[in-house]
């Protein structure tokens, strides 16, 4: 059975006073899911404040942690987030799922 690949784009607005709440929530979610590790760090966990360093990475973490995707059988291949420029989001903070990822989850 072949899989069809889709791309979705969601534009959001985030008030500056909500950024800290977003980042804190994403860090808690990251810690619950199990810290990521890098192979060159001998599988030493990456601290949440290093991994979630701003609103872009916080939004990516929450998208990847959404249980509804897994429940529906949806596999995220790439997740990107950045400031909107001309109606299109940049891919400045992108994570890609691959067969040999550089970042590992426990």
PDB file of N, CA and C in Angstrom:
ATOM      1  N   UNK A   1       0.844  -1.176   0.000  1.00  0.00           N
ATOM      2  CA  UNK A   1       0.000   0.000   0.000  1.00  0.00           C
ATOM      3  C   UNK A   1       0.892   1.242   0.000  1.00  0.00           C
ATOM      4  N   UNK A   2       0.630   2.160  -0.893  1.00  0.00           N
ATOM      5  CA  UNK A   2       1.420   3.379  -0.965  1.00  0.00           C
ATOM      6  C   UNK A   2       0.787   4.479  -0.140  1.00  0.00           C
ATOM      7  N   UNK A   3       1.629   5.322   0.407  1.00  0.00           N
ATOM      8  CA  UNK A   3       1.159   6.439   1.227  1.00  0.00           C
ATOM      9  C   UNK A   3       1.153   7.705   0.382  1.00  0.00           C
ATOM     10  N   UNK A   4       0.171   8.522   0.582  1.00  0.00           N
ATOM     11  CA  UNK A   4       0.092   9.816  -0.077  1.00  0.00           C
ATOM     12  C   UNK A   4       0.660  10.853   0.872  1.00  0.00           C
ATOM     13  N   UNK A   5       1.509  11.709   0.368  1.00  0.00           N
ATOM     14  CA  UNK A   5       2.104  12.749   1.199  1.00  0.00           C
ATOM     15  C   UNK A   5       1.327  14.042   1.029  1.00  0.00           C
ATOM     16  N   UNK A   6       1.011  14.690   2.131  1.00  0.00           N
ATOM     17  CA  UNK A   6       0.296  15.965   2.136  1.00  0.00           C
ATOM     18  C   UNK A   6       1.155  17.006   2.835  1.00  0.00           C
ATOM     19  N   UNK A   7       0.966  18.243   2.462  1.00  0.00           N
ATOM     20  CA  UNK A   7       1.601  19.368   3.142  1.00  0.00           C
ATOM     21  C   UNK A   7       0.495  20.268   3.646  1.00  0.00           C
ATOM     22  N   UNK A   8       0.571  20.611   4.927  1.00  0.00           N
ATOM     23  CA  UNK A   8      -0.397  21.559   5.479  1.00  0.00           C
ATOM     24  C   UNK A   8       0.362  22.800   5.925  1.00  0.00           C
ATOM     25  N   UNK A   9      -0.296  23.919   5.828  1.00  0.00           N
ATOM     26  CA  UNK A   9       0.285  25.169   6.288  1.00  0.00           C
ATOM     27  C   UNK A   9      -0.742  25.847   7.178  1.00  0.00           C
ATOM     28  N   UNK A  10      -0.314  26.199   8.367  1.00  0.00           N
ATOM     29  CA  UNK A  10      -1.207  26.829   9.335  1.00  0.00           C
ATOM     30  C   UNK A  10      -0.567  28.137   9.767  1.00  0.00           C
ATOM     31  N   UNK A  11      -1.254  29.232   9.561  1.00  0.00           N
ATOM     32  CA  UNK A  11      -0.767  30.531  10.020  1.00  0.00           C
ATOM     33  C   UNK A  11      -1.384  30.799  11.383  1.00  0.00           C
ATOM     34  N   UNK A  12      -0.558  31.144  12.330  1.00  0.00           N
ATOM     35  CA  UNK A  12      -1.053  31.455  13.675  1.00  0.00           C
ATOM     36  C   UNK A  12      -0.566  32.837  14.072  1.00  0.00           C
ATOM     37  N   UNK A  13      -1.245  33.408  15.037  1.00  0.00           N
ATOM     38  CA  UNK A  13      -0.740  34.646  15.632  1.00  0.00           C
ATOM     39  C   UNK A  13      -0.501  34.347  17.109  1.00  0.00           C
ATOM     40  N   UNK A  14       0.557  34.914  17.624  1.00  0.00           N
ATOM     41  CA  UNK A  14       0.948  34.654  19.003  1.00  0.00           C
ATOM     42  C   UNK A  14       1.295  35.980  19.653  1.00  0.00           C
ATOM     43  N   UNK A  15       0.529  36.330  20.662  1.00  0.00           N
ATOM     44  CA  UNK A  15       0.808  37.550  21.407  1.00  0.00           C
ATOM     45  C   UNK A  15       2.130  37.392  22.149  1.00  0.00           C
ATOM     46  N   UNK A  16       2.907  38.463  22.230  1.00  0.00           N
ATOM     47  CA  UNK A  16       4.204  38.386  22.894  1.00  0.00           C
ATOM     48  C   UNK A  16       4.086  37.897  24.329  1.00  0.00           C
ATOM     49  N   UNK A  17       3.023  38.298  25.022  1.00  0.00           N
ATOM     50  CA  UNK A  17       2.884  37.877  26.411  1.00  0.00           C
ATOM     51  C   UNK A  17       2.506  36.398  26.532  1.00  0.00           C
ATOM     52  N   UNK A  18       2.176  35.733  25.435  1.00  0.00           N
ATOM     53  CA  UNK A  18       1.865  34.303  25.446  1.00  0.00           C
ATOM     54  C   UNK A  18       3.076  33.431  25.110  1.00  0.00           C
ATOM     55  N   UNK A  19       4.147  34.034  24.607  1.00  0.00           N
ATOM     56  CA  UNK A  19       5.315  33.265  24.191  1.00  0.00           C
ATOM     57  C   UNK A  19       5.904  32.456  25.335  1.00  0.00           C
ATOM     58  N   UNK A  20       6.036  33.059  26.502  1.00  0.00           N
ATOM     59  CA  UNK A  20       6.623  32.359  27.644  1.00  0.00           C
ATOM     60  C   UNK A  20       5.767  31.158  28.048  1.00  0.00           C
ATOM     61  N   UNK A  21       4.447  31.326  28.054  1.00  0.00           N
ATOM     62  CA  UNK A  21       3.558  30.200  28.375  1.00  0.00           C
ATOM     63  C   UNK A  21       3.715  29.073  27.353  1.00  0.00           C
ATOM     64  N   UNK A  22       3.797  29.426  26.081  1.00  0.00           N
ATOM     65  CA  UNK A  22       3.984  28.445  25.019  1.00  0.00           C
ATOM     66  C   UNK A  22       5.286  27.675  25.212  1.00  0.00           C
ATOM     67  N   UNK A  23       6.355  28.393  25.462  1.00  0.00           N
ATOM     68  CA  UNK A  23       7.674  27.769  25.636  1.00  0.00           C
ATOM     69  C   UNK A  23       7.680  26.866  26.868  1.00  0.00           C
ATOM     70  N   UNK A  24       7.116  27.327  27.972  1.00  0.00           N
ATOM     71  CA  UNK A  24       7.081  26.510  29.188  1.00  0.00           C
ATOM     72  C   UNK A  24       6.266  25.242  28.990  1.00  0.00           C
ATOM     73  N   UNK A  25       5.121  25.346  28.313  1.00  0.00           N
ATOM     74  CA  UNK A  25       4.307  24.167  28.034  1.00  0.00           C
ATOM     75  C   UNK A  25       5.074  23.179  27.163  1.00  0.00           C
ATOM     76  N   UNK A  26       5.705  23.676  26.113  1.00  0.00           N
ATOM     77  CA  UNK A  26       6.459  22.799  25.211  1.00  0.00           C
ATOM     78  C   UNK A  26       7.606  22.114  25.948  1.00  0.00           C
ATOM     79  N   UNK A  27       8.256  22.803  26.860  1.00  0.00           N
ATOM     80  CA  UNK A  27       9.343  22.186  27.636  1.00  0.00           C
ATOM     81  C   UNK A  27       8.810  21.080  28.540  1.00  0.00           C
ATOM     82  N   UNK A  28       7.646  21.299  29.136  1.00  0.00           N
ATOM     83  CA  UNK A  28       7.044  20.237  29.976  1.00  0.00           C
ATOM     84  C   UNK A  28       6.676  19.026  29.117  1.00  0.00           C
ATOM     85  N   UNK A  29       6.104  19.263  27.952  1.00  0.00           N
ATOM     86  CA  UNK A  29       5.748  18.179  27.037  1.00  0.00           C
ATOM     87  C   UNK A  29       7.002  17.433  26.606  1.00  0.00           C
ATOM     88  N   UNK A  30       8.046  18.161  26.271  1.00  0.00           N
ATOM     89  CA  UNK A  30       9.326  17.571  25.859  1.00  0.00           C
ATOM     90  C   UNK A  30       9.867  16.650  26.961  1.00  0.00           C
ATOM     91  N   UNK A  31       9.829  17.116  28.198  1.00  0.00           N
ATOM     92  CA  UNK A  31      10.337  16.309  29.314  1.00  0.00           C
ATOM     93  C   UNK A  31       9.492  15.057  29.522  1.00  0.00           C
ATOM     94  N   UNK A  32       8.173  15.164  29.381  1.00  0.00           N
ATOM     95  CA  UNK A  32       7.292  13.989  29.527  1.00  0.00           C
ATOM     96  C   UNK A  32       7.540  12.962  28.435  1.00  0.00           C
ATOM     97  N   UNK A  33       7.816  13.430  27.218  1.00  0.00           N
ATOM     98  CA  UNK A  33       8.020  12.523  26.085  1.00  0.00           C
ATOM     99  C   UNK A  33       9.365  11.818  26.154  1.00  0.00           C
ATOM    100  N   UNK A  34      10.280  12.337  26.928  1.00  0.00           N
ATOM    101  CA  UNK A  34      11.628  11.776  26.993  1.00  0.00           C
ATOM    102  C   UNK A  34      12.571  12.662  26.221  1.00  0.00           C
ATOM    103  N   UNK A  35      13.618  13.065  26.852  1.00  0.00           N
ATOM    104  CA  UNK A  35      14.557  14.003  26.252  1.00  0.00           C
ATOM    105  C   UNK A  35      15.228  13.415  25.017  1.00  0.00           C
ATOM    106  N   UNK A  36      15.505  14.273  24.071  1.00  0.00           N
ATOM    107  CA  UNK A  36      16.245  13.884  22.874  1.00  0.00           C
ATOM    108  C   UNK A  36      17.724  13.795  23.220  1.00  0.00           C
ATOM    109  N   UNK A  37      18.458  13.038  22.429  1.00  0.00           N
ATOM    110  CA  UNK A  37      19.904  12.927  22.612  1.00  0.00           C
ATOM    111  C   UNK A  37      20.589  13.046  21.260  1.00  0.00           C
ATOM    112  N   UNK A  38      21.843  13.431  21.285  1.00  0.00           N
ATOM    113  CA  UNK A  38      22.665  13.484  20.085  1.00  0.00           C
ATOM    114  C   UNK A  38      23.698  12.371  20.169  1.00  0.00           C
ATOM    115  N   UNK A  39      23.985  11.696  19.057  1.00  0.00           N
ATOM    116  CA  UNK A  39      24.931  10.591  19.114  1.00  0.00           C
ATOM    117  C   UNK A  39      26.324  11.014  19.555  1.00  0.00           C
ATOM    118  N   UNK A  40      26.759  12.231  19.189  1.00  0.00           N
ATOM    119  CA  UNK A  40      28.099  12.660  19.562  1.00  0.00           C
ATOM    120  C   UNK A  40      28.205  13.062  21.030  1.00  0.00           C
ATOM    121  N   UNK A  41      27.086  13.085  21.730  1.00  0.00           N
ATOM    122  CA  UNK A  41      27.090  13.408  23.159  1.00  0.00           C
ATOM    123  C   UNK A  41      26.916  12.134  23.989  1.00  0.00           C
ATOM    124  N   UNK A  42      27.204  11.005  23.388  1.00  0.00           N
ATOM    125  CA  UNK A  42      27.112   9.703  24.054  1.00  0.00           C
ATOM    126  C   UNK A  42      25.740   9.506  24.693  1.00  0.00           C
ATOM    127  N   UNK A  43      24.722   9.865  23.922  1.00  0.00           N
ATOM    128  CA  UNK A  43      23.331   9.711  24.349  1.00  0.00           C
ATOM    129  C   UNK A  43      22.991  10.500  25.610  1.00  0.00           C
ATOM    130  N   UNK A  44      23.739  11.554  25.875  1.00  0.00           N
ATOM    131  CA  UNK A  44      23.420  12.424  26.998  1.00  0.00           C
ATOM    132  C   UNK A  44      22.173  13.225  26.637  1.00  0.00           C
ATOM    133  N   UNK A  45      21.160  13.224  27.482  1.00  0.00           N
ATOM    134  CA  UNK A  45      19.927  13.952  27.161  1.00  0.00           C
ATOM    135  C   UNK A  45      20.167  15.450  26.971  1.00  0.00           C
ATOM    136  N   UNK A  46      19.441  16.021  26.028  1.00  0.00           N
ATOM    137  CA  UNK A  46      19.485  17.463  25.794  1.00  0.00           C
ATOM    138  C   UNK A  46      18.463  18.103  26.724  1.00  0.00           C
ATOM    139  N   UNK A  47      18.895  19.078  27.501  1.00  0.00           N
ATOM    140  CA  UNK A  47      17.988  19.762  28.438  1.00  0.00           C
ATOM    141  C   UNK A  47      16.866  20.457  27.669  1.00  0.00           C
ATOM    142  N   UNK A  48      15.721  20.576  28.310  1.00  0.00           N
ATOM    143  CA  UNK A  48      14.565  21.183  27.648  1.00  0.00           C
ATOM    144  C   UNK A  48      14.824  22.632  27.259  1.00  0.00           C
ATOM    145  N   UNK A  49      15.572  23.376  28.065  1.00  0.00           N
ATOM    146  CA  UNK A  49      15.825  24.775  27.714  1.00  0.00           C
ATOM    147  C   UNK A  49      16.825  24.912  26.564  1.00  0.00           C
ATOM    148  N   UNK A  50      17.596  23.858  26.283  1.00  0.00           N
ATOM    149  CA  UNK A  50      18.471  23.865  25.111  1.00  0.00           C
ATOM    150  C   UNK A  50      17.687  23.471  23.859  1.00  0.00           C
ATOM    151  N   UNK A  51      16.792  22.504  24.014  1.00  0.00           N
ATOM    152  CA  UNK A  51      16.047  21.969  22.875  1.00  0.00           C
ATOM    153  C   UNK A  51      14.919  22.899  22.457  1.00  0.00           C
ATOM    154  N   UNK A  52      14.209  23.455  23.424  1.00  0.00           N
ATOM    155  CA  UNK A  52      13.105  24.390  23.171  1.00  0.00           C
ATOM    156  C   UNK A  52      13.639  25.775  23.521  1.00  0.00           C
ATOM    157  N   UNK A  53      14.138  26.491  22.511  1.00  0.00           N
ATOM    158  CA  UNK A  53      14.805  27.762  22.772  1.00  0.00           C
ATOM    159  C   UNK A  53      14.010  28.984  22.318  1.00  0.00           C
ATOM    160  N   UNK A  54      12.801  28.783  21.874  1.00  0.00           N
ATOM    161  CA  UNK A  54      11.982  29.910  21.439  1.00  0.00           C
ATOM    162  C   UNK A  54      10.628  29.436  20.951  1.00  0.00           C
ATOM    163  N   UNK A  55       9.799  30.359  20.482  1.00  0.00           N
ATOM    164  CA  UNK A  55       8.444  29.991  20.068  1.00  0.00           C
ATOM    165  C   UNK A  55       8.413  29.039  18.871  1.00  0.00           C
ATOM    166  N   UNK A  56       9.367  29.154  17.946  1.00  0.00           N
ATOM    167  CA  UNK A  56       9.361  28.270  16.780  1.00  0.00           C
ATOM    168  C   UNK A  56       9.556  26.815  17.186  1.00  0.00           C
ATOM    169  N   UNK A  57      10.588  26.558  17.997  1.00  0.00           N
ATOM    170  CA  UNK A  57      10.839  25.175  18.419  1.00  0.00           C
ATOM    171  C   UNK A  57       9.758  24.685  19.369  1.00  0.00           C
ATOM    172  N   UNK A  58       9.135  25.592  20.124  1.00  0.00           N
ATOM    173  CA  UNK A  58       8.026  25.201  20.996  1.00  0.00           C
ATOM    174  C   UNK A  58       6.829  24.725  20.168  1.00  0.00           C
ATOM    175  N   UNK A  59       6.508  25.452  19.109  1.00  0.00           N
ATOM    176  CA  UNK A  59       5.392  25.052  18.250  1.00  0.00           C
ATOM    177  C   UNK A  59       5.677  23.709  17.567  1.00  0.00           C
ATOM    178  N   UNK A  60       6.920  23.505  17.140  1.00  0.00           N
ATOM    179  CA  UNK A  60       7.284  22.230  16.518  1.00  0.00           C
ATOM    180  C   UNK A  60       7.118  21.090  17.518  1.00  0.00           C
ATOM    181  N   UNK A  61       7.576  21.290  18.737  1.00  0.00           N
ATOM    182  CA  UNK A  61       7.463  20.243  19.762  1.00  0.00           C
ATOM    183  C   UNK A  61       5.998  19.886  20.002  1.00  0.00           C
ATOM    184  N   UNK A  62       5.138  20.882  20.111  1.00  0.00           N
ATOM    185  CA  UNK A  62       3.718  20.607  20.360  1.00  0.00           C
ATOM    186  C   UNK A  62       3.068  19.904  19.174  1.00  0.00           C
ATOM    187  N   UNK A  63       3.459  20.255  17.963  1.00  0.00           N
ATOM    188  CA  UNK A  63       2.920  19.570  16.781  1.00  0.00           C
ATOM    189  C   UNK A  63       3.355  18.110  16.772  1.00  0.00           C
ATOM    190  N   UNK A  64       4.640  17.860  17.064  1.00  0.00           N
ATOM    191  CA  UNK A  64       5.148  16.486  17.059  1.00  0.00           C
ATOM    192  C   UNK A  64       4.552  15.644  18.186  1.00  0.00           C
ATOM    193  N   UNK A  65       4.191  16.289  19.287  1.00  0.00           N
ATOM    194  CA  UNK A  65       3.668  15.566  20.448  1.00  0.00           C
ATOM    195  C   UNK A  65       2.163  15.349  20.390  1.00  0.00           C
ATOM    196  N   UNK A  66       1.501  15.909  19.384  1.00  0.00           N
ATOM    197  CA  UNK A  66       0.045  15.809  19.307  1.00  0.00           C
ATOM    198  C   UNK A  66      -0.376  14.352  19.136  1.00  0.00           C
ATOM    199  N   UNK A  67      -1.077  13.784  20.110  1.00  0.00           N
ATOM    200  CA  UNK A  67      -1.450  12.365  20.037  1.00  0.00           C
ATOM    201  C   UNK A  67      -2.488  12.064  18.954  1.00  0.00           C
ATOM    202  N   UNK A  68      -3.182  13.070  18.476  1.00  0.00           N
ATOM    203  CA  UNK A  68      -4.215  12.834  17.467  1.00  0.00           C
ATOM    204  C   UNK A  68      -3.611  12.356  16.153  1.00  0.00           C
ATOM    205  N   UNK A  69      -2.411  12.825  15.814  1.00  0.00           N
ATOM    206  CA  UNK A  69      -1.766  12.351  14.596  1.00  0.00           C
ATOM    207  C   UNK A  69      -1.523  10.842  14.674  1.00  0.00           C
ATOM    208  N   UNK A  70      -0.932  10.400  15.772  1.00  0.00           N
ATOM    209  CA  UNK A  70      -0.647   8.974  15.930  1.00  0.00           C
ATOM    210  C   UNK A  70      -1.938   8.154  15.952  1.00  0.00           C
ATOM    211  N   UNK A  71      -2.952   8.640  16.658  1.00  0.00           N
ATOM    212  CA  UNK A  71      -4.229   7.924  16.718  1.00  0.00           C
ATOM    213  C   UNK A  71      -4.846   7.762  15.338  1.00  0.00           C
ATOM    214  N   UNK A  72      -4.622   8.740  14.466  1.00  0.00           N
ATOM    215  CA  UNK A  72      -5.186   8.685  13.111  1.00  0.00           C
ATOM    216  C   UNK A  72      -4.266   7.954  12.136  1.00  0.00           C
ATOM    217  N   UNK A  73      -3.102   7.506  12.616  1.00  0.00           N
ATOM    218  CA  UNK A  73      -2.166   6.815  11.734  1.00  0.00           C
ATOM    219  C   UNK A  73      -1.365   7.752  10.843  1.00  0.00           C
ATOM    220  N   UNK A  74      -1.266   9.006  11.257  1.00  0.00           N
ATOM    221  CA  UNK A  74      -0.526  10.009  10.497  1.00  0.00           C
ATOM    222  C   UNK A  74       0.907  10.052  11.022  1.00  0.00           C
ATOM    223  N   UNK A  75       1.880   9.992  10.110  1.00  0.00           N
ATOM    224  CA  UNK A  75       3.295  10.042  10.477  1.00  0.00           C
ATOM    225  C   UNK A  75       3.878  11.355   9.981  1.00  0.00           C
ATOM    226  N   UNK A  76       4.358  12.178  10.913  1.00  0.00           N
ATOM    227  CA  UNK A  76       4.960  13.449  10.528  1.00  0.00           C
ATOM    228  C   UNK A  76       6.343  13.180   9.955  1.00  0.00           C
ATOM    229  N   UNK A  77       6.594  13.651   8.751  1.00  0.00           N
ATOM    230  CA  UNK A  77       7.888  13.464   8.105  1.00  0.00           C
ATOM    231  C   UNK A  77       8.789  14.676   8.299  1.00  0.00           C
ATOM    232  N   UNK A  78       8.227  15.854   8.165  1.00  0.00           N
ATOM    233  CA  UNK A  78       8.964  17.098   8.346  1.00  0.00           C
ATOM    234  C   UNK A  78       8.056  18.079   9.074  1.00  0.00           C
ATOM    235  N   UNK A  79       8.627  18.809   9.992  1.00  0.00           N
ATOM    236  CA  UNK A  79       7.887  19.856  10.683  1.00  0.00           C
ATOM    237  C   UNK A  79       8.771  21.087  10.679  1.00  0.00           C
ATOM    238  N   UNK A  80       8.237  22.195  10.212  1.00  0.00           N
ATOM    239  CA  UNK A  80       9.010  23.427  10.164  1.00  0.00           C
ATOM    240  C   UNK A  80       8.195  24.589  10.690  1.00  0.00           C
ATOM    241  N   UNK A  81       8.882  25.588  11.190  1.00  0.00           N
ATOM    242  CA  UNK A  81       8.198  26.751  11.719  1.00  0.00           C
ATOM    243  C   UNK A  81       9.137  27.939  11.638  1.00  0.00           C
ATOM    244  N   UNK A  82       8.594  29.078  11.343  1.00  0.00           N
ATOM    245  CA  UNK A  82       9.371  30.310  11.323  1.00  0.00           C
ATOM    246  C   UNK A  82       8.444  31.484  11.174  1.00  0.00           C
ATOM    247  N   UNK A  83       8.982  32.667  11.325  1.00  0.00           N
ATOM    248  CA  UNK A  83       8.149  33.858  11.154  1.00  0.00           C
ATOM    249  C   UNK A  83       7.562  33.894   9.753  1.00  0.00           C
ATOM    250  N   UNK A  84       6.350  34.349   9.659  1.00  0.00           N
ATOM    251  CA  UNK A  84       5.680  34.443   8.378  1.00  0.00           C
ATOM    252  C   UNK A  84       6.309  35.566   7.567  1.00  0.00           C
ATOM    253  N   UNK A  85       6.545  35.274   6.284  1.00  0.00           N
ATOM    254  CA  UNK A  85       7.078  36.309   5.393  1.00  0.00           C
ATOM    255  C   UNK A  85       6.316  36.234   4.078  1.00  0.00           C
ATOM    256  N   UNK A  86       5.499  37.210   3.837  1.00  0.00           N
ATOM    257  CA  UNK A  86       4.716  37.234   2.609  1.00  0.00           C
ATOM    258  C   UNK A  86       3.686  36.128   2.539  1.00  0.00           C
ATOM    259  N   UNK A  87       3.154  35.721   3.707  1.00  0.00           N
ATOM    260  CA  UNK A  87       2.132  34.689   3.715  1.00  0.00           C
ATOM    261  C   UNK A  87       2.680  33.269   3.734  1.00  0.00           C
ATOM    262  N   UNK A  88       3.990  33.080   3.646  1.00  0.00           N
ATOM    263  CA  UNK A  88       4.577  31.743   3.669  1.00  0.00           C
ATOM    264  C   UNK A  88       5.503  31.652   4.871  1.00  0.00           C
ATOM    265  N   UNK A  89       5.442  30.555   5.590  1.00  0.00           N
ATOM    266  CA  UNK A  89       6.324  30.344   6.733  1.00  0.00           C
ATOM    267  C   UNK A  89       7.691  29.909   6.241  1.00  0.00           C
ATOM    268  N   UNK A  90       8.715  30.446   6.842  1.00  0.00           N
ATOM    269  CA  UNK A  90      10.066  30.008   6.486  1.00  0.00           C
ATOM    270  C   UNK A  90      10.345  28.682   7.167  1.00  0.00           C
ATOM    271  N   UNK A  91      11.341  27.978   6.701  1.00  0.00           N
ATOM    272  CA  UNK A  91      11.709  26.693   7.285  1.00  0.00           C
ATOM    273  C   UNK A  91      12.969  26.849   8.129  1.00  0.00           C
ATOM    274  N   UNK A  92      13.120  27.971   8.812  1.00  0.00           N
ATOM    275  CA  UNK A  92      14.345  28.232   9.549  1.00  0.00           C
ATOM    276  C   UNK A  92      14.543  27.286  10.722  1.00  0.00           C
ATOM    277  N   UNK A  93      13.484  26.796  11.286  1.00  0.00           N
ATOM    278  CA  UNK A  93      13.560  25.837  12.380  1.00  0.00           C
ATOM    279  C   UNK A  93      12.810  24.586  11.934  1.00  0.00           C
ATOM    280  N   UNK A  94      13.476  23.714  11.240  1.00  0.00           N
ATOM    281  CA  UNK A  94      12.811  22.508  10.730  1.00  0.00           C
ATOM    282  C   UNK A  94      13.424  21.269  11.346  1.00  0.00           C
ATOM    283  N   UNK A  95      12.588  20.287  11.592  1.00  0.00           N
ATOM    284  CA  UNK A  95      13.055  18.969  12.018  1.00  0.00           C
ATOM    285  C   UNK A  95      12.530  17.974  11.019  1.00  0.00           C
ATOM    286  N   UNK A  96      13.359  17.079  10.625  1.00  0.00           N
ATOM    287  CA  UNK A  96      12.952  16.081   9.641  1.00  0.00           C
ATOM    288  C   UNK A  96      13.106  14.699  10.228  1.00  0.00           C
ATOM    289  N   UNK A  97      12.107  13.883  10.021  1.00  0.00           N
ATOM    290  CA  UNK A  97      12.160  12.488  10.434  1.00  0.00           C
ATOM    291  C   UNK A  97      12.879  11.715   9.340  1.00  0.00           C
ATOM    292  N   UNK A  98      13.801  10.873   9.707  1.00  0.00           N
ATOM    293  CA  UNK A  98      14.501  10.076   8.705  1.00  0.00           C
ATOM    294  C   UNK A  98      14.861   8.724   9.287  1.00  0.00           C
ATOM    295  N   UNK A  99      15.352   7.839   8.437  1.00  0.00           N
ATOM    296  CA  UNK A  99      15.715   6.497   8.880  1.00  0.00           C
ATOM    297  C   UNK A  99      16.875   6.540   9.868  1.00  0.00           C
ATOM    298  N   UNK A 100      17.776   7.483   9.739  1.00  0.00           N
ATOM    299  CA  UNK A 100      18.924   7.602  10.637  1.00  0.00           C
ATOM    300  C   UNK A 100      18.971   9.021  11.199  1.00  0.00           C
ATOM    301  N   UNK A 101      18.090   9.347  12.144  1.00  0.00           N
ATOM    302  CA  UNK A 101      18.023  10.718  12.647  1.00  0.00           C
ATOM    303  C   UNK A 101      19.259  11.087  13.456  1.00  0.00           C
ATOM    304  N   UNK A 102      19.580  12.378  13.472  1.00  0.00           N
ATOM    305  CA  UNK A 102      20.670  12.870  14.281  1.00  0.00           C
ATOM    306  C   UNK A 102      20.221  13.133  15.710  1.00  0.00           C
ATOM    307  N   UNK A 103      18.930  13.217  15.923  1.00  0.00           N
ATOM    308  CA  UNK A 103      18.385  13.424  17.255  1.00  0.00           C
ATOM    309  C   UNK A 103      17.537  12.203  17.591  1.00  0.00           C
ATOM    310  N   UNK A 104      17.749  11.663  18.756  1.00  0.00           N
ATOM    311  CA  UNK A 104      17.053  10.442  19.154  1.00  0.00           C
ATOM    312  C   UNK A 104      16.156  10.717  20.346  1.00  0.00           C
ATOM    313  N   UNK A 105      15.023  10.059  20.359  1.00  0.00           N
ATOM    314  CA  UNK A 105      14.121  10.091  21.507  1.00  0.00           C
ATOM    315  C   UNK A 105      14.283   8.796  22.275  1.00  0.00           C
ATOM    316  N   UNK A 106      14.140   8.872  23.576  1.00  0.00           N
ATOM    317  CA  UNK A 106      14.189   7.649  24.401  1.00  0.00           C
ATOM    318  C   UNK A 106      12.928   6.866  24.244  1.00  0.00           C
TER     319      UNK A 106
END
